[in-house]
Amino acid sequence: MVPACARTPVPAADLCPQHVNELTRTLAQVAELMVPLRRSTLRVTTHRSYTARPSGGGEPRDVSAAWNPAATPVASQADDYAGFLARTVIRERVMPAGQSYGFTLNDRPELQLTVIARRHGGWLGRYPELGPDVLDSMKGLLRRVEAALSTTPVRRVLLERDGEAIRCRDVVLETDYGPVLCESPLAAILASDDHATPSRIVCTADRDHTSYAPSQWDELVTAWTPTV
């Protein structure tokens, strides 16, 4: 086993053997976490919404799966960086006759990273002016992936009244005939299974629209009227 290196990688230089090992190890760690990271972004439901209100007598009819909003941008970053490394290897590395790269540009990002870690990590680490940047980027990506996976999942549940979606009333355009409203469905964000009251009520179309407080739930349900 190659001992750890105490020196900081120098930009525009090749990596030492210790840092090459660190690079391949970090690539493999990110690849291993990409599947659970992507799964944590999914919301699997069998119904679309629930009608319970905090002032009502029953428990909320929550049919959504756990959802980790912090994972979504990090999963996208991981996919993008895996694609960048895959394109770099295929474009820049000349393989010996009869040998393949072990992956294609159409493969899933986690497979690309796994193969790159096993077969191309040393080449990346010694590629002129690239190794230190890749190592630094992968270490930062690994920290973000681990942080996202440690975030407590929430549930995102659509709100309805009498079978109709409760809709966002934010004005998106002022016209001579009056304001045009967003009208996108509203969703409640519940922090954990033991919270019947949402931590936020948000617009499903635009996160910059008004973030309604839980105390406004009754007001939203009572004041909402369907658009003719």
C-alpha atoms as a PDB file:
ATOM      1  CA  MET A   1       0.000   0.000   0.000  1.00  0.00           C
ATOM      2  CA  VAL A   2       1.342   3.424  -0.996  1.00  0.00           C
ATOM      3  CA  PRO A   3       1.542   5.735   2.060  1.00  0.00           C
ATOM      4  CA  ALA A   4      -0.454   8.962   2.134  1.00  0.00           C
ATOM      5  CA  CYS A   5       1.208  12.102   0.849  1.00  0.00           C
ATOM      6  CA  ALA A   6       1.272  15.201   3.053  1.00  0.00           C
ATOM      7  CA  ARG A   7       2.052  17.544   0.168  1.00  0.00           C
ATOM      8  CA  THR A   8      -0.690  19.539  -1.553  1.00  0.00           C
ATOM      9  CA  PRO A   9      -1.123  18.713  -5.268  1.00  0.00           C
ATOM     10  CA  VAL A  10       0.317  21.473  -7.437  1.00  0.00           C
ATOM     11  CA  PRO A  11      -1.894  22.778 -10.262  1.00  0.00           C
ATOM     12  CA  ALA A  12      -0.621  22.124 -13.800  1.00  0.00           C
ATOM     13  CA  ALA A  13       1.596  19.270 -12.532  1.00  0.00           C
ATOM     14  CA  ASP A  14       1.375  15.487 -12.493  1.00  0.00           C
ATOM     15  CA  LEU A  15       0.139  13.801  -9.329  1.00  0.00           C
ATOM     16  CA  CYS A  16       2.507  11.788  -7.177  1.00  0.00           C
ATOM     17  CA  PRO A  17       1.718   8.053  -6.679  1.00  0.00           C
ATOM     18  CA  GLN A  18       0.042   8.755  -3.332  1.00  0.00           C
ATOM     19  CA  HIS A  19      -2.297  11.317  -4.845  1.00  0.00           C
ATOM     20  CA  VAL A  20      -2.992   9.087  -7.851  1.00  0.00           C
ATOM     21  CA  ASN A  21      -4.181   6.457  -5.360  1.00  0.00           C
ATOM     22  CA  GLU A  22      -6.313   9.064  -3.626  1.00  0.00           C
ATOM     23  CA  LEU A  23      -7.830  10.075  -6.956  1.00  0.00           C
ATOM     24  CA  THR A  24      -8.780   6.522  -7.944  1.00  0.00           C
ATOM     25  CA  ARG A  25     -10.183   5.869  -4.461  1.00  0.00           C
ATOM     26  CA  THR A  26     -12.273   9.060  -4.564  1.00  0.00           C
ATOM     27  CA  LEU A  27     -13.581   8.246  -8.050  1.00  0.00           C
ATOM     28  CA  ALA A  28     -14.678   4.824  -6.810  1.00  0.00           C
ATOM     29  CA  GLN A  29     -16.332   6.272  -3.700  1.00  0.00           C
ATOM     30  CA  VAL A  30     -18.387   8.770  -5.710  1.00  0.00           C
ATOM     31  CA  ALA A  31     -19.372   6.053  -8.202  1.00  0.00           C
ATOM     32  CA  GLU A  32     -20.581   3.822  -5.354  1.00  0.00           C
ATOM     33  CA  LEU A  33     -22.747   6.600  -3.889  1.00  0.00           C
ATOM     34  CA  MET A  34     -24.336   7.769  -7.140  1.00  0.00           C
ATOM     35  CA  VAL A  35     -27.122   5.166  -7.178  1.00  0.00           C
ATOM     36  CA  PRO A  36     -28.363   5.808  -3.603  1.00  0.00           C
ATOM     37  CA  LEU A  37     -28.004   9.541  -4.245  1.00  0.00           C
ATOM     38  CA  ARG A  38     -30.204   9.355  -7.332  1.00  0.00           C
ATOM     39  CA  ARG A  39     -32.754   7.152  -5.575  1.00  0.00           C
ATOM     40  CA  SER A  40     -33.106   9.690  -2.782  1.00  0.00           C
ATOM     41  CA  THR A  41     -34.357  12.279  -5.307  1.00  0.00           C
ATOM     42  CA  LEU A  42     -37.343  10.148  -6.337  1.00  0.00           C
ATOM     43  CA  ARG A  43     -40.927  10.594  -5.204  1.00  0.00           C
ATOM     44  CA  VAL A  44     -42.963   7.442  -5.788  1.00  0.00           C
ATOM     45  CA  THR A  45     -46.700   7.819  -5.240  1.00  0.00           C
ATOM     46  CA  THR A  46     -49.855   5.839  -5.862  1.00  0.00           C
ATOM     47  CA  HIS A  47     -52.137   8.850  -5.435  1.00  0.00           C
ATOM     48  CA  ARG A  48     -51.744  12.507  -6.284  1.00  0.00           C
ATOM     49  CA  SER A  49     -52.695  14.438  -3.168  1.00  0.00           C
ATOM     50  CA  TYR A  50     -54.422  14.525   0.194  1.00  0.00           C
ATOM     51  CA  THR A  51     -57.138  16.712   1.629  1.00  0.00           C
ATOM     52  CA  ALA A  52     -56.522  16.633   5.374  1.00  0.00           C
ATOM     53  CA  ARG A  53     -56.018  19.943   7.167  1.00  0.00           C
ATOM     54  CA  PRO A  54     -54.191  20.562  10.471  1.00  0.00           C
ATOM     55  CA  SER A  55     -57.497  21.582  12.081  1.00  0.00           C
ATOM     56  CA  GLY A  56     -59.169  18.373  10.917  1.00  0.00           C
ATOM     57  CA  GLY A  57     -59.631  15.291  13.016  1.00  0.00           C
ATOM     58  CA  GLY A  58     -57.649  12.695  11.040  1.00  0.00           C
ATOM     59  CA  GLU A  59     -54.057  12.093  10.091  1.00  0.00           C
ATOM     60  CA  PRO A  60     -52.899  13.503   6.754  1.00  0.00           C
ATOM     61  CA  ARG A  61     -53.385  11.049   3.902  1.00  0.00           C
ATOM     62  CA  ASP A  62     -49.749  11.190   2.841  1.00  0.00           C
ATOM     63  CA  VAL A  63     -48.968   8.796   0.007  1.00  0.00           C
ATOM     64  CA  SER A  64     -45.642  10.182  -1.129  1.00  0.00           C
ATOM     65  CA  ALA A  65     -42.244   8.590  -0.669  1.00  0.00           C
ATOM     66  CA  ALA A  66     -39.361  10.254   1.144  1.00  0.00           C
ATOM     67  CA  TRP A  67     -37.763  12.924  -1.009  1.00  0.00           C
ATOM     68  CA  ASN A  68     -34.370  14.554  -0.535  1.00  0.00           C
ATOM     69  CA  PRO A  69     -34.345  17.946  -2.302  1.00  0.00           C
ATOM     70  CA  ALA A  70     -30.676  18.512  -1.418  1.00  0.00           C
ATOM     71  CA  ALA A  71     -29.713  15.482  -3.519  1.00  0.00           C
ATOM     72  CA  THR A  72     -31.140  16.721  -6.813  1.00  0.00           C
ATOM     73  CA  PRO A  73     -28.496  19.343  -7.741  1.00  0.00           C
ATOM     74  CA  VAL A  74     -25.650  17.185  -6.419  1.00  0.00           C
ATOM     75  CA  ALA A  75     -26.798  14.189  -8.472  1.00  0.00           C
ATOM     76  CA  SER A  76     -26.831  16.406 -11.546  1.00  0.00           C
ATOM     77  CA  GLN A  77     -23.309  17.632 -10.789  1.00  0.00           C
ATOM     78  CA  ALA A  78     -22.074  14.059 -10.370  1.00  0.00           C
ATOM     79  CA  ASP A  79     -23.639  12.997 -13.676  1.00  0.00           C
ATOM     80  CA  ASP A  80     -22.144  15.990 -15.480  1.00  0.00           C
ATOM     81  CA  TYR A  81     -18.658  15.417 -14.098  1.00  0.00           C
ATOM     82  CA  ALA A  82     -18.749  11.713 -14.912  1.00  0.00           C
ATOM     83  CA  GLY A  83     -19.644  12.653 -18.478  1.00  0.00           C
ATOM     84  CA  PHE A  84     -16.784  15.141 -18.621  1.00  0.00           C
ATOM     85  CA  LEU A  85     -14.255  12.553 -17.463  1.00  0.00           C
ATOM     86  CA  ALA A  86     -15.631   9.921 -19.843  1.00  0.00           C
ATOM     87  CA  ARG A  87     -15.338  12.302 -22.813  1.00  0.00           C
ATOM     88  CA  THR A  88     -11.829  13.312 -21.746  1.00  0.00           C
ATOM     89  CA  VAL A  89     -10.611   9.724 -21.539  1.00  0.00           C
ATOM     90  CA  ILE A  90     -12.100   8.727 -24.898  1.00  0.00           C
ATOM     91  CA  ARG A  91     -10.884  11.885 -26.623  1.00  0.00           C
ATOM     92  CA  GLU A  92      -7.382  12.087 -25.184  1.00  0.00           C
ATOM     93  CA  ARG A  93      -6.249   8.583 -24.259  1.00  0.00           C
ATOM     94  CA  VAL A  94      -4.987   6.261 -26.996  1.00  0.00           C
ATOM     95  CA  MET A  95      -5.619   2.655 -26.010  1.00  0.00           C
ATOM     96  CA  PRO A  96      -3.325  -0.204 -27.125  1.00  0.00           C
ATOM     97  CA  ALA A  97      -4.518  -2.217 -30.103  1.00  0.00           C
ATOM     98  CA  GLY A  98      -7.253  -4.655 -29.150  1.00  0.00           C
ATOM     99  CA  GLN A  99      -8.112  -2.941 -25.848  1.00  0.00           C
ATOM    100  CA  SER A 100     -11.303  -1.017 -25.211  1.00  0.00           C
ATOM    101  CA  TYR A 101     -11.986   1.820 -22.817  1.00  0.00           C
ATOM    102  CA  GLY A 102     -14.337  -0.416 -20.837  1.00  0.00           C
ATOM    103  CA  PHE A 103     -17.248   2.021 -21.151  1.00  0.00           C
ATOM    104  CA  THR A 104     -19.084   4.103 -23.734  1.00  0.00           C
ATOM    105  CA  LEU A 105     -20.472   7.622 -23.628  1.00  0.00           C
ATOM    106  CA  ASN A 106     -23.961   6.113 -23.487  1.00  0.00           C
ATOM    107  CA  ASP A 107     -23.305   4.138 -20.298  1.00  0.00           C
ATOM    108  CA  ARG A 108     -24.729   5.232 -16.972  1.00  0.00           C
ATOM    109  CA  PRO A 109     -22.532   7.773 -15.129  1.00  0.00           C
ATOM    110  CA  GLU A 110     -21.860   5.471 -12.171  1.00  0.00           C
ATOM    111  CA  LEU A 111     -20.563   2.764 -14.520  1.00  0.00           C
ATOM    112  CA  GLN A 112     -18.360   5.286 -16.313  1.00  0.00           C
ATOM    113  CA  LEU A 113     -16.853   6.456 -13.026  1.00  0.00           C
ATOM    114  CA  THR A 114     -16.336   2.909 -11.769  1.00  0.00           C
ATOM    115  CA  VAL A 115     -14.433   1.906 -14.907  1.00  0.00           C
ATOM    116  CA  ILE A 116     -12.458   5.157 -14.962  1.00  0.00           C
ATOM    117  CA  ALA A 117     -11.409   4.580 -11.350  1.00  0.00           C
ATOM    118  CA  ARG A 118     -10.240   1.026 -12.071  1.00  0.00           C
ATOM    119  CA  ARG A 119      -8.669   1.432 -15.486  1.00  0.00           C
ATOM    120  CA  HIS A 120      -7.966   5.102 -16.114  1.00  0.00           C
ATOM    121  CA  GLY A 121      -7.332   6.694 -12.702  1.00  0.00           C
ATOM    122  CA  GLY A 122      -3.561   6.511 -13.053  1.00  0.00           C
ATOM    123  CA  TRP A 123      -3.707   7.987 -16.546  1.00  0.00           C
ATOM    124  CA  LEU A 124      -5.916  10.864 -15.371  1.00  0.00           C
ATOM    125  CA  GLY A 125      -3.595  11.549 -12.441  1.00  0.00           C
ATOM    126  CA  ARG A 126      -0.608  11.856 -14.749  1.00  0.00           C
ATOM    127  CA  TYR A 127      -2.320  13.665 -17.590  1.00  0.00           C
ATOM    128  CA  PRO A 128      -0.590  17.052 -18.103  1.00  0.00           C
ATOM    129  CA  GLU A 129      -2.275  19.867 -16.150  1.00  0.00           C
ATOM    130  CA  LEU A 130      -5.381  17.789 -15.377  1.00  0.00           C
ATOM    131  CA  GLY A 131      -4.624  15.501 -12.422  1.00  0.00           C
ATOM    132  CA  PRO A 132      -4.656  18.055  -9.561  1.00  0.00           C
ATOM    133  CA  ASP A 133      -7.825  19.710 -10.860  1.00  0.00           C
ATOM    134  CA  VAL A 134      -9.627  16.372 -11.155  1.00  0.00           C
ATOM    135  CA  LEU A 135      -8.546  15.333  -7.668  1.00  0.00           C
ATOM    136  CA  ASP A 136      -9.668  18.622  -6.146  1.00  0.00           C
ATOM    137  CA  SER A 137     -12.997  18.513  -8.008  1.00  0.00           C
ATOM    138  CA  MET A 138     -13.683  14.888  -7.047  1.00  0.00           C
ATOM    139  CA  LYS A 139     -12.892  15.501  -3.364  1.00  0.00           C
ATOM    140  CA  GLY A 140     -15.290  18.442  -3.354  1.00  0.00           C
ATOM    141  CA  LEU A 141     -17.938  16.387  -5.152  1.00  0.00           C
ATOM    142  CA  LEU A 142     -17.558  13.534  -2.657  1.00  0.00           C
ATOM    143  CA  ARG A 143     -18.093  15.966   0.244  1.00  0.00           C
ATOM    144  CA  ARG A 144     -21.261  17.309  -1.406  1.00  0.00           C
ATOM    145  CA  VAL A 145     -22.586  13.825  -2.138  1.00  0.00           C
ATOM    146  CA  GLU A 146     -22.016  12.687   1.452  1.00  0.00           C
ATOM    147  CA  ALA A 147     -23.628  15.868   2.800  1.00  0.00           C
ATOM    148  CA  ALA A 148     -26.672  15.427   0.553  1.00  0.00           C
ATOM    149  CA  LEU A 149     -27.115  11.801   1.609  1.00  0.00           C
ATOM    150  CA  SER A 150     -26.982  12.786   5.275  1.00  0.00           C
ATOM    151  CA  THR A 151     -29.800  15.323   4.813  1.00  0.00           C
ATOM    152  CA  THR A 152     -33.091  14.342   6.432  1.00  0.00           C
ATOM    153  CA  PRO A 153     -35.598  13.488   3.674  1.00  0.00           C
ATOM    154  CA  VAL A 154     -38.883  15.336   3.431  1.00  0.00           C
ATOM    155  CA  ARG A 155     -42.230  14.515   1.867  1.00  0.00           C
ATOM    156  CA  ARG A 156     -43.784  16.704  -0.830  1.00  0.00           C
ATOM    157  CA  VAL A 157     -47.554  16.320  -1.016  1.00  0.00           C
ATOM    158  CA  LEU A 158     -50.008  18.058  -3.317  1.00  0.00           C
ATOM    159  CA  LEU A 159     -52.932  19.904  -1.677  1.00  0.00           C
ATOM    160  CA  GLU A 160     -56.521  19.665  -2.816  1.00  0.00           C
ATOM    161  CA  ARG A 161     -60.003  20.786  -1.871  1.00  0.00           C
ATOM    162  CA  ASP A 162     -63.102  18.886  -2.942  1.00  0.00           C
ATOM    163  CA  GLY A 163     -61.043  16.910  -5.412  1.00  0.00           C
ATOM    164  CA  GLU A 164     -59.520  19.995  -7.016  1.00  0.00           C
ATOM    165  CA  ALA A 165     -55.906  21.163  -6.658  1.00  0.00           C
ATOM    166  CA  ILE A 166     -55.306  24.216  -4.485  1.00  0.00           C
ATOM    167  CA  ARG A 167     -53.400  26.596  -6.739  1.00  0.00           C
ATOM    168  CA  CYS A 168     -50.773  29.311  -6.435  1.00  0.00           C
ATOM    169  CA  ARG A 169     -52.172  32.862  -6.541  1.00  0.00           C
ATOM    170  CA  ASP A 170     -48.935  34.672  -7.348  1.00  0.00           C
ATOM    171  CA  VAL A 171     -49.232  37.217 -10.157  1.00  0.00           C
ATOM    172  CA  VAL A 172     -46.967  36.279 -13.067  1.00  0.00           C
ATOM    173  CA  LEU A 173     -48.077  39.004 -15.516  1.00  0.00           C
ATOM    174  CA  GLU A 174     -49.959  42.286 -15.406  1.00  0.00           C
ATOM    175  CA  THR A 175     -52.148  42.964 -18.460  1.00  0.00           C
ATOM    176  CA  ASP A 176     -54.724  45.537 -19.539  1.00  0.00           C
ATOM    177  CA  TYR A 177     -57.362  42.957 -18.688  1.00  0.00           C
ATOM    178  CA  GLY A 178     -56.029  42.295 -15.222  1.00  0.00           C
ATOM    179  CA  PRO A 179     -53.373  40.155 -13.562  1.00  0.00           C
ATOM    180  CA  VAL A 180     -52.478  36.676 -14.804  1.00  0.00           C
ATOM    181  CA  LEU A 181     -52.057  34.255 -11.924  1.00  0.00           C
ATOM    182  CA  CYS A 182     -49.666  31.327 -11.727  1.00  0.00           C
ATOM    183  CA  GLU A 183     -52.404  28.757 -10.920  1.00  0.00           C
ATOM    184  CA  SER A 184     -49.882  25.917 -10.473  1.00  0.00           C
ATOM    185  CA  PRO A 185     -50.726  23.341  -7.768  1.00  0.00           C
ATOM    186  CA  LEU A 186     -49.479  23.968  -4.239  1.00  0.00           C
ATOM    187  CA  ALA A 187     -47.622  21.329  -2.266  1.00  0.00           C
ATOM    188  CA  ALA A 188     -46.979  20.841   1.427  1.00  0.00           C
ATOM    189  CA  ILE A 189     -43.451  20.011   2.595  1.00  0.00           C
ATOM    190  CA  LEU A 190     -43.470  17.710   5.614  1.00  0.00           C
ATOM    191  CA  ALA A 191     -40.175  17.296   7.397  1.00  0.00           C
ATOM    192  CA  SER A 192     -40.689  13.810   8.849  1.00  0.00           C
ATOM    193  CA  ASP A 193     -43.251  11.077   9.397  1.00  0.00           C
ATOM    194  CA  ASP A 194     -44.325  12.422  12.776  1.00  0.00           C
ATOM    195  CA  HIS A 195     -45.238  15.911  11.512  1.00  0.00           C
ATOM    196  CA  ALA A 196     -48.836  16.338  10.394  1.00  0.00           C
ATOM    197  CA  THR A 197     -48.348  20.077   9.863  1.00  0.00           C
ATOM    198  CA  PRO A 198     -46.142  21.117   6.921  1.00  0.00           C
ATOM    199  CA  SER A 199     -42.985  23.100   7.414  1.00  0.00           C
ATOM    200  CA  ARG A 200     -43.677  24.933   4.138  1.00  0.00           C
ATOM    201  CA  ILE A 201     -46.400  25.308   1.539  1.00  0.00           C
ATOM    202  CA  VAL A 202     -44.845  25.963  -1.855  1.00  0.00           C
ATOM    203  CA  CYS A 203     -45.673  26.443  -5.514  1.00  0.00           C
ATOM    204  CA  THR A 204     -44.832  23.351  -7.567  1.00  0.00           C
ATOM    205  CA  ALA A 205     -43.932  25.391 -10.652  1.00  0.00           C
ATOM    206  CA  ASP A 206     -41.681  28.130  -9.303  1.00  0.00           C
ATOM    207  CA  ARG A 207     -39.706  27.976  -6.066  1.00  0.00           C
ATOM    208  CA  ASP A 208     -39.398  31.770  -6.092  1.00  0.00           C
ATOM    209  CA  HIS A 209     -43.129  32.216  -5.675  1.00  0.00           C
ATOM    210  CA  THR A 210     -44.464  32.946  -2.213  1.00  0.00           C
ATOM    211  CA  SER A 211     -43.538  30.288   0.322  1.00  0.00           C
ATOM    212  CA  TYR A 212     -46.698  29.966   2.366  1.00  0.00           C
ATOM    213  CA  ALA A 213     -46.437  29.387   6.100  1.00  0.00           C
ATOM    214  CA  PRO A 214     -48.238  26.440   7.757  1.00  0.00           C
ATOM    215  CA  SER A 215     -50.435  28.927   9.563  1.00  0.00           C
ATOM    216  CA  GLN A 216     -51.894  29.951   6.203  1.00  0.00           C
ATOM    217  CA  TRP A 217     -53.144  26.442   5.365  1.00  0.00           C
ATOM    218  CA  ASP A 218     -56.750  27.094   6.514  1.00  0.00           C
ATOM    219  CA  GLU A 219     -56.721  30.478   4.797  1.00  0.00           C
ATOM    220  CA  LEU A 220     -55.536  28.910   1.542  1.00  0.00           C
ATOM    221  CA  VAL A 221     -58.175  26.188   1.611  1.00  0.00           C
ATOM    222  CA  THR A 222     -61.012  28.554   2.569  1.00  0.00           C
ATOM    223  CA  ALA A 223     -60.174  31.377   0.157  1.00  0.00           C
ATOM    224  CA  TRP A 224     -59.351  29.263  -2.876  1.00  0.00           C
ATOM    225  CA  THR A 225     -61.927  29.247  -5.690  1.00  0.00           C
ATOM    226  CA  PRO A 226     -61.621  27.367  -8.986  1.00  0.00           C
ATOM    227  CA  THR A 227     -60.827  29.441 -12.078  1.00  0.00           C
ATOM    228  CA  VAL A 228     -63.733  29.599 -14.488  1.00  0.00           C
END
